[in-house]
Every structure is written in C-alpha cells, then in structure tokens.
Amino acid sequence: MTAHQPKKAGALQHAVELTKSIIPPVHPGGRPFILGALGATLAVRRLSKRAGVGTAVFTAWLAWFFREPKRVTPRRPGIAVAPADGTVSHVVEAVPPAELGLGDEPMLRVSVFLSVFDVHVQRSPATGQVVRAVHKAGKFLSADLDEASEVNERNSLHVRTDEGHDLAVVQIAGLVARRIICQVSDGDKVLAGSTYGLIRFGSRVDLYVPAGSRVLVEPGQRTIGGETVLAELPSAG
C-alpha cells in the first residue's frame, strides 16, 4: 500500500460521512415505493434515455418525500414537542378520540397540517409509555378541515409521560393520504422526538395536551417535528 492510498481512503470516508450528513435517511415505509420506482427507471432507460430521466427524477422525489432527517429534541421535562413537520391549522379545546378512553373532558388540541412538501414521519411528543394504540377506519376528507379530526381514518395513541401527564397524538389521513403506518403498540416505551410512524402523502397530526397547559404556537406557524415545543404542560404538583 502506497502512502497515497491511506490519504485517498481517508478522503473517501470523509466524502461518505459528508454525504450522510447532507442526505437524510429514508423511512422504511417508503423503501418499497423507491425500489419499485428505481426498477421502473432501469427498465424505461432501456427503451428511452429521455423517458428514463423523467422516471429517475420521480424516484429521487420519492426518496426526498420519505426522508427521515435527524432532529435535536429539547430534553427538559414538562414539555410536549411537535409530532410532525407542517403548519399549525387549529388550536382549540376538544374532547380526545373516544377510542382512547381518556374521558369526555376537553383537552387542548394543536393540529398540524402536512403538505406533500413536508417530512411525513411522526415523532413522539414526549418521553413515556404508550398506554393504548388504536386504528379507526373513516373518511378521507381534506385534512385541513376541523371535522377531519372526528370523521377521517386515523391512528390514535395515548401516551403517559414520565411525569404522569396524559397526552393523545393522532395520525389523520387526508384526501391523498390513504395509508397510516404506526410502529408502536400498547406498553411500548417512547422517547421524545423518536420516530413512531408515517403517513403517506398529504395528512394531519393532532396533539392533545391537558387543560391548563400553556400552548406556545399559533395557527399559521410552522413546526419542526421533534424540535418545536408546542406546549408547556401543567406542573406535576
């Protein structure tokens, strides 16, 4: 091995690490779509290089759409972070989904609408344990409508934080989104900011926090999943 080879190997390793830091990983739920599009691209290129460019661009878009970027989550206790990237569409008092068994008392609900340009993975709003995870079939109304929280297909989680707060986080399908993926179930431990699911294409995520919480966002504000603090929860005392 020559003296130049270790330098080349080091430069290559540096390039690989730099690429990893720039290009985010892909969520496993998107890999079948990307691999299918890649296979189609290779097949089309054999027939037409020009058409192959179009399918290659579509494949790249799918890889971008299903991205799962790393996030730095605040670790201080007593807060709930955004479960998704998107735009705050509603901040209202609302009764949490009945299937979670959280009762009829209203909680504060922060709704985040995800466009097709947003990261579509969902992240735990706090560190704690999943008390209940329930999928419910429903309609596919536009996810930005307030009634979508009640009538659209959804997957709901009841998360009890390490400080004893009960939260509800709900993945809601939309006009285009027809597939909700949830990777956690009853009894699982979750870490604030960790990825727990994915909604394919345009959708919405609702976070319910206890009455008395201090909501820190307003409708129209952008959120970063796993990083933006949506609310300060009531004191445990």
Protein backbone atom coordinates (compact mmCIF):
# COMPACT_ATOMS: atom_id res chain seq x y z
CA MET A 1 0.00 0.00 0.00
CA THR A 2 1.45 3.36 -1.01
CA ALA A 3 1.46 6.50 1.12
CA HIS A 4 -1.20 7.97 -1.16
CA GLN A 5 -3.68 5.14 -0.55
CA PRO A 6 -4.42 5.93 3.13
CA LYS A 7 -4.99 9.56 2.13
CA LYS A 8 -7.37 8.50 -0.62
CA ALA A 9 -9.19 6.15 1.74
CA GLY A 10 -9.50 8.94 4.31
CA ALA A 11 -10.81 11.35 1.70
CA LEU A 12 -13.35 8.79 0.51
CA GLN A 13 -14.52 8.12 4.07
CA HIS A 14 -14.85 11.87 4.64
CA ALA A 15 -16.91 12.20 1.45
CA VAL A 16 -19.18 9.36 2.57
CA GLU A 17 -19.72 10.92 6.01
CA LEU A 18 -20.36 14.34 4.44
CA THR A 19 -22.93 12.81 2.09
CA LYS A 20 -24.69 11.11 5.01
CA SER A 21 -24.85 14.41 6.89
CA ILE A 22 -26.42 16.18 3.89
CA ILE A 23 -28.76 13.48 2.57
CA PRO A 24 -31.21 12.29 5.28
CA PRO A 25 -32.02 8.59 5.66
CA VAL A 26 -35.26 7.16 4.27
CA HIS A 27 -38.07 5.79 6.43
CA PRO A 28 -38.51 2.01 5.94
CA GLY A 29 -42.15 2.55 4.97
CA GLY A 30 -41.05 4.36 1.81
CA ARG A 31 -38.44 1.89 0.63
CA PRO A 32 -40.84 -0.35 -1.37
CA PHE A 33 -42.01 2.69 -3.36
CA ILE A 34 -38.46 3.88 -4.00
CA LEU A 35 -37.22 0.43 -5.03
CA GLY A 36 -40.23 0.00 -7.32
CA ALA A 37 -39.60 3.36 -8.95
CA LEU A 38 -35.90 2.55 -9.30
CA GLY A 39 -36.74 -0.73 -11.04
CA ALA A 40 -39.11 1.11 -13.36
CA THR A 41 -36.40 3.68 -14.11
CA LEU A 42 -33.91 0.99 -15.12
CA ALA A 43 -36.50 -0.70 -17.32
CA VAL A 44 -37.59 2.55 -19.00
CA ARG A 45 -34.00 3.64 -19.66
CA ARG A 46 -33.50 0.57 -21.82
CA LEU A 47 -36.29 1.80 -24.07
CA SER A 48 -35.71 5.54 -23.93
CA LYS A 49 -32.99 7.51 -22.13
CA ARG A 50 -35.13 10.65 -22.27
CA ALA A 51 -38.08 8.92 -20.60
CA GLY A 52 -35.64 7.39 -18.13
CA VAL A 53 -34.67 10.87 -16.97
CA GLY A 54 -38.29 11.54 -16.01
CA THR A 55 -38.64 8.33 -14.02
CA ALA A 56 -35.26 8.99 -12.35
CA VAL A 57 -36.49 12.41 -11.23
CA PHE A 58 -39.66 10.79 -9.85
CA THR A 59 -37.55 8.20 -7.99
CA ALA A 60 -35.44 10.99 -6.48
CA TRP A 61 -38.62 12.81 -5.42
CA LEU A 62 -39.89 9.68 -3.64
CA ALA A 63 -36.59 9.36 -1.78
CA TRP A 64 -36.90 13.02 -0.77
CA PHE A 65 -40.55 12.62 0.25
CA PHE A 66 -39.88 9.64 2.54
CA ARG A 67 -36.88 11.29 4.18
CA GLU A 68 -36.38 10.92 7.93
CA PRO A 69 -33.99 13.70 8.97
CA LYS A 70 -32.25 13.67 12.33
CA ARG A 71 -33.61 16.14 14.85
CA VAL A 72 -32.31 17.63 18.10
CA THR A 73 -35.11 17.33 20.66
CA PRO A 74 -35.26 19.50 23.80
CA ARG A 75 -34.87 17.21 26.83
CA ARG A 76 -36.24 19.42 29.59
CA PRO A 77 -39.22 17.90 31.43
CA GLY A 78 -42.77 19.20 31.31
CA ILE A 79 -42.99 19.98 27.59
CA ALA A 80 -44.60 18.47 24.50
CA VAL A 81 -42.79 18.78 21.18
CA ALA A 82 -44.31 18.80 17.71
CA PRO A 83 -45.14 15.28 16.48
CA ALA A 84 -44.77 16.37 12.85
CA ASP A 85 -43.41 18.94 10.42
CA GLY A 86 -46.08 21.20 8.99
CA THR A 87 -48.27 24.22 9.64
CA VAL A 88 -50.44 24.73 12.72
CA SER A 89 -54.01 24.78 11.43
CA HIS A 90 -56.03 24.81 14.68
CA VAL A 91 -55.52 25.43 18.38
CA VAL A 92 -58.80 24.60 20.14
CA GLU A 93 -60.37 22.84 23.10
CA ALA A 94 -61.65 19.41 22.07
CA VAL A 95 -62.53 16.03 23.54
CA PRO A 96 -59.84 13.45 22.68
CA PRO A 97 -60.75 10.43 20.50
CA ALA A 98 -63.25 8.25 22.34
CA GLU A 99 -61.37 5.06 21.48
CA LEU A 100 -58.50 6.11 23.77
CA GLY A 101 -60.70 6.11 26.87
CA LEU A 102 -59.45 9.49 28.11
CA GLY A 103 -62.94 10.66 29.12
CA ASP A 104 -65.20 13.47 27.98
CA GLU A 105 -63.33 16.42 29.46
CA PRO A 106 -61.93 18.74 26.77
CA MET A 107 -58.18 18.95 26.29
CA LEU A 108 -56.19 21.47 24.28
CA ARG A 109 -55.73 20.26 20.71
CA VAL A 110 -52.98 21.52 18.42
CA SER A 111 -53.47 20.39 14.82
CA VAL A 112 -50.56 20.33 12.36
CA PHE A 113 -51.31 20.06 8.64
CA LEU A 114 -48.72 18.34 6.44
CA SER A 115 -48.49 19.23 2.77
CA VAL A 116 -46.82 16.93 0.23
CA PHE A 117 -43.66 19.02 0.66
CA ASP A 118 -43.29 18.31 4.39
CA VAL A 119 -41.43 15.48 6.11
CA HIS A 120 -44.09 12.83 6.69
CA VAL A 121 -42.73 10.82 9.62
CA GLN A 122 -44.35 11.26 13.03
CA ARG A 123 -42.42 11.65 16.27
CA SER A 124 -43.30 11.09 19.91
CA PRO A 125 -44.22 14.38 21.63
CA ALA A 126 -42.72 13.32 24.96
CA THR A 127 -40.84 10.53 26.71
CA GLY A 128 -43.14 7.99 28.32
CA GLN A 129 -45.19 4.86 27.66
CA VAL A 130 -47.88 4.06 25.11
CA VAL A 131 -50.99 3.23 27.13
CA ARG A 132 -53.16 2.48 24.12
CA ALA A 133 -52.78 2.50 20.32
CA VAL A 134 -55.96 2.29 18.25
CA HIS A 135 -56.58 2.39 14.50
CA LYS A 136 -60.03 3.52 13.33
CA ALA A 137 -61.38 3.40 9.78
CA GLY A 138 -63.10 6.50 8.43
CA LYS A 139 -63.48 9.01 5.63
CA PHE A 140 -60.81 10.81 3.60
CA LEU A 141 -61.87 14.45 3.80
CA SER A 142 -59.32 17.20 3.29
CA ALA A 143 -57.06 17.04 6.35
CA ASP A 144 -57.14 20.81 6.87
CA LEU A 145 -60.85 20.71 7.78
CA ASP A 146 -61.60 20.82 11.51
CA GLU A 147 -64.08 17.92 11.24
CA ALA A 148 -61.34 15.66 9.87
CA SER A 149 -60.28 15.02 13.47
CA GLU A 150 -63.55 13.18 14.10
CA VAL A 151 -64.55 11.54 10.82
CA ASN A 152 -61.34 10.72 8.93
CA GLU A 153 -59.41 7.48 9.14
CA ARG A 154 -56.92 7.77 11.98
CA ASN A 155 -54.47 6.09 14.30
CA SER A 156 -54.57 7.33 17.88
CA LEU A 157 -52.02 6.97 20.68
CA HIS A 158 -52.47 7.59 24.40
CA VAL A 159 -49.03 8.42 25.78
CA ARG A 160 -48.40 8.79 29.50
CA THR A 161 -45.27 10.85 30.10
CA ASP A 162 -42.64 10.03 32.70
CA GLU A 163 -44.02 12.97 34.73
CA GLY A 164 -47.53 11.46 34.68
CA HIS A 165 -49.21 13.64 32.03
CA ASP A 166 -51.69 12.02 29.65
CA LEU A 167 -51.25 13.06 26.01
CA ALA A 168 -53.01 11.95 22.84
CA VAL A 169 -51.36 12.08 19.43
CA VAL A 170 -53.42 11.23 16.36
CA GLN A 171 -52.31 10.49 12.79
CA ILE A 172 -55.11 11.51 10.42
CA ALA A 173 -55.47 10.53 6.77
CA GLY A 174 -56.41 13.14 4.15
CA LEU A 175 -57.61 13.40 0.57
CA VAL A 176 -54.43 11.87 -0.82
CA ALA A 177 -53.08 10.04 2.24
CA ARG A 178 -54.56 6.53 2.27
CA ARG A 179 -52.03 4.67 4.37
CA ILE A 180 -51.12 5.25 8.02
CA ILE A 181 -48.15 3.38 9.49
CA CYS A 182 -47.74 3.11 13.27
CA GLN A 183 -44.69 1.29 14.62
CA VAL A 184 -45.60 1.24 18.33
CA SER A 185 -48.23 -0.60 20.33
CA ASP A 186 -49.66 -0.83 23.85
CA GLY A 187 -46.97 -0.88 26.51
CA ASP A 188 -44.10 0.35 24.34
CA LYS A 189 -41.70 2.96 25.71
CA VAL A 190 -41.18 6.05 23.54
CA LEU A 191 -38.54 8.76 23.63
CA ALA A 192 -39.37 12.38 22.90
CA GLY A 193 -38.58 13.13 19.26
CA SER A 194 -38.22 9.48 18.23
CA THR A 195 -39.98 8.37 15.05
CA TYR A 196 -43.00 6.15 15.63
CA GLY A 197 -44.92 6.28 12.34
CA LEU A 198 -45.53 7.62 8.86
CA ILE A 199 -48.46 8.90 6.82
CA ARG A 200 -48.08 8.55 3.08
CA PHE A 201 -48.73 11.88 1.33
CA GLY A 202 -50.81 14.90 2.50
CA SER A 203 -52.21 14.50 6.00
CA ARG A 204 -52.57 15.89 9.54
CA VAL A 205 -51.43 15.14 13.09
CA ASP A 206 -53.31 16.26 16.21
CA LEU A 207 -51.71 16.59 19.63
CA TYR A 208 -53.94 16.75 22.71
CA VAL A 209 -52.40 18.14 25.90
CA PRO A 210 -54.01 18.54 29.36
CA ALA A 211 -56.20 21.52 30.14
CA GLY A 212 -54.06 24.11 31.89
CA SER A 213 -51.14 23.59 29.52
CA ARG A 214 -49.53 26.67 28.01
CA VAL A 215 -49.66 26.38 24.22
CA LEU A 216 -46.71 28.14 22.63
CA VAL A 217 -47.77 28.18 18.96
CA GLU A 218 -50.42 29.93 16.89
CA PRO A 219 -52.38 28.94 13.74
CA GLY A 220 -50.25 29.57 10.67
CA GLN A 221 -46.96 28.89 12.46
CA ARG A 222 -44.55 26.32 11.02
CA THR A 223 -43.44 23.40 13.18
CA ILE A 224 -40.40 21.14 13.06
CA GLY A 225 -41.22 17.63 14.21
CA GLY A 226 -39.29 16.60 17.30
CA GLU A 227 -37.86 20.11 17.83
CA THR A 228 -40.61 22.76 18.07
CA VAL A 229 -42.06 22.96 21.60
CA LEU A 230 -45.84 23.07 21.20
CA ALA A 231 -46.80 23.32 24.85
CA GLU A 232 -45.60 23.54 28.42
CA LEU A 233 -47.54 21.01 30.47
CA PRO A 234 -49.11 21.76 33.87
CA SER A 235 -46.92 21.45 36.92
CA ALA A 236 -46.95 17.95 38.36
CA GLY A 237 -47.55 19.46 41.79
